[in-house]
Structures are given as structure tokens and as C-alpha cells.
Protein backbone atom coordinates (compact mmCIF):
# COMPACT_ATOMS: atom_id res chain seq x y z
CA MET A 1 0.00 0.00 0.00
CA GLU A 2 1.44 3.33 -1.06
CA THR A 3 1.37 6.18 1.44
CA ILE A 4 -0.19 9.45 0.38
CA PRO A 5 2.07 12.46 0.92
CA VAL A 6 0.68 15.01 3.36
CA PRO A 7 1.30 18.63 2.46
CA LYS A 8 3.14 20.59 5.15
CA LEU A 9 2.95 24.27 5.89
CA THR A 10 5.71 26.26 7.61
CA VAL A 11 4.60 29.44 9.38
CA SER A 12 7.15 31.87 10.86
CA PHE A 13 6.43 34.48 13.52
CA ALA A 14 8.48 37.15 15.27
CA VAL A 15 7.26 37.58 18.84
CA ASP A 16 8.54 39.91 21.56
CA ILE A 17 7.73 38.82 25.11
CA GLU A 18 8.01 41.27 27.99
CA VAL A 19 8.73 39.62 31.34
CA ALA A 20 9.06 41.10 34.83
CA TYR A 21 12.62 40.20 35.85
CA SER A 22 14.72 40.59 38.95
CA SER A 23 18.41 39.76 38.76
CA PHE A 24 18.04 38.53 42.36
CA SER A 25 15.48 35.86 41.39
CA GLY A 26 18.11 33.15 41.08
CA LYS A 27 17.91 32.79 37.29
CA THR A 28 19.93 34.63 34.69
CA ALA A 29 18.21 36.38 31.80
CA ASP A 30 19.49 33.60 29.50
CA GLU A 31 17.98 30.92 31.76
CA ILE A 32 14.62 32.70 31.80
CA ALA A 33 14.68 33.03 27.99
CA GLU A 34 15.46 29.31 27.66
CA SER A 35 12.63 28.45 30.07
CA LEU A 36 10.17 30.59 28.10
CA GLN A 37 11.28 28.96 24.86
CA ASP A 38 10.68 25.49 26.36
CA GLU A 39 7.21 26.53 27.56
CA ILE A 40 6.31 27.92 24.12
CA HIS A 41 7.36 24.65 22.48
CA ASP A 42 5.26 22.66 24.96
CA LEU A 43 2.21 24.84 24.30
CA LEU A 44 2.57 24.59 20.54
CA PHE A 45 2.84 20.80 20.65
CA GLU A 46 -0.54 20.71 22.43
CA LEU A 47 -2.05 21.67 19.07
CA GLU A 48 -2.72 18.49 17.12
CA GLN A 49 -1.69 20.04 13.77
CA VAL A 50 1.81 20.93 15.01
CA THR A 51 4.39 18.30 14.07
CA GLY A 52 7.58 20.28 14.65
CA VAL A 53 8.81 23.49 16.23
CA CYS A 54 12.07 25.35 15.75
CA SER A 55 12.70 28.65 17.51
CA THR A 56 15.67 30.93 18.03
CA CYS A 57 16.18 33.53 20.70
CA THR A 58 17.44 36.53 18.74
CA SER A 59 18.02 39.02 21.56
CA ILE A 60 17.63 39.66 25.27
CA SER A 61 17.58 43.19 26.62
CA THR A 62 16.88 44.57 30.06
CA GLU A 63 15.49 47.90 31.12
CA GLU A 64 14.42 49.37 34.42
CA LEU A 65 10.70 49.78 35.01
CA SER A 66 9.66 52.99 36.70
């Protein structure tokens, strides 16, 4: 029996996420970014159509909130 090819669609997004951050929280900014990335992957895989996820952290910047 021959398998029928399933068309795949690749969708790319650029998303900026603002997070309240304290350098005294015990995690570095890089660790928080990695944790967020893991959570995003987990959430996306909850969607039945999603078969793969690839993401890249492009920048991390900090600023003081007033």
C-alpha cells in the first residue's frame, strides 16, 4: 500500500515577550529566555496540527521599570 504524501505548511512568527525580571530571582536572563522557549514549544505541541517546532532567541535586553 502506497502512502499518500501530506502537504506541510511552515509558518514563521516574530514575537517579543516582555517579562518582569529581577536579577536577584536566582535565574539569569538567559535561563529565563530558555525556560520561556521550552514553555512555548510545549504549548505549541498541544495543538494536534503541530508536528515540529524550531525557535531561536534573537536578543535579550533589560530595562528598568519605573
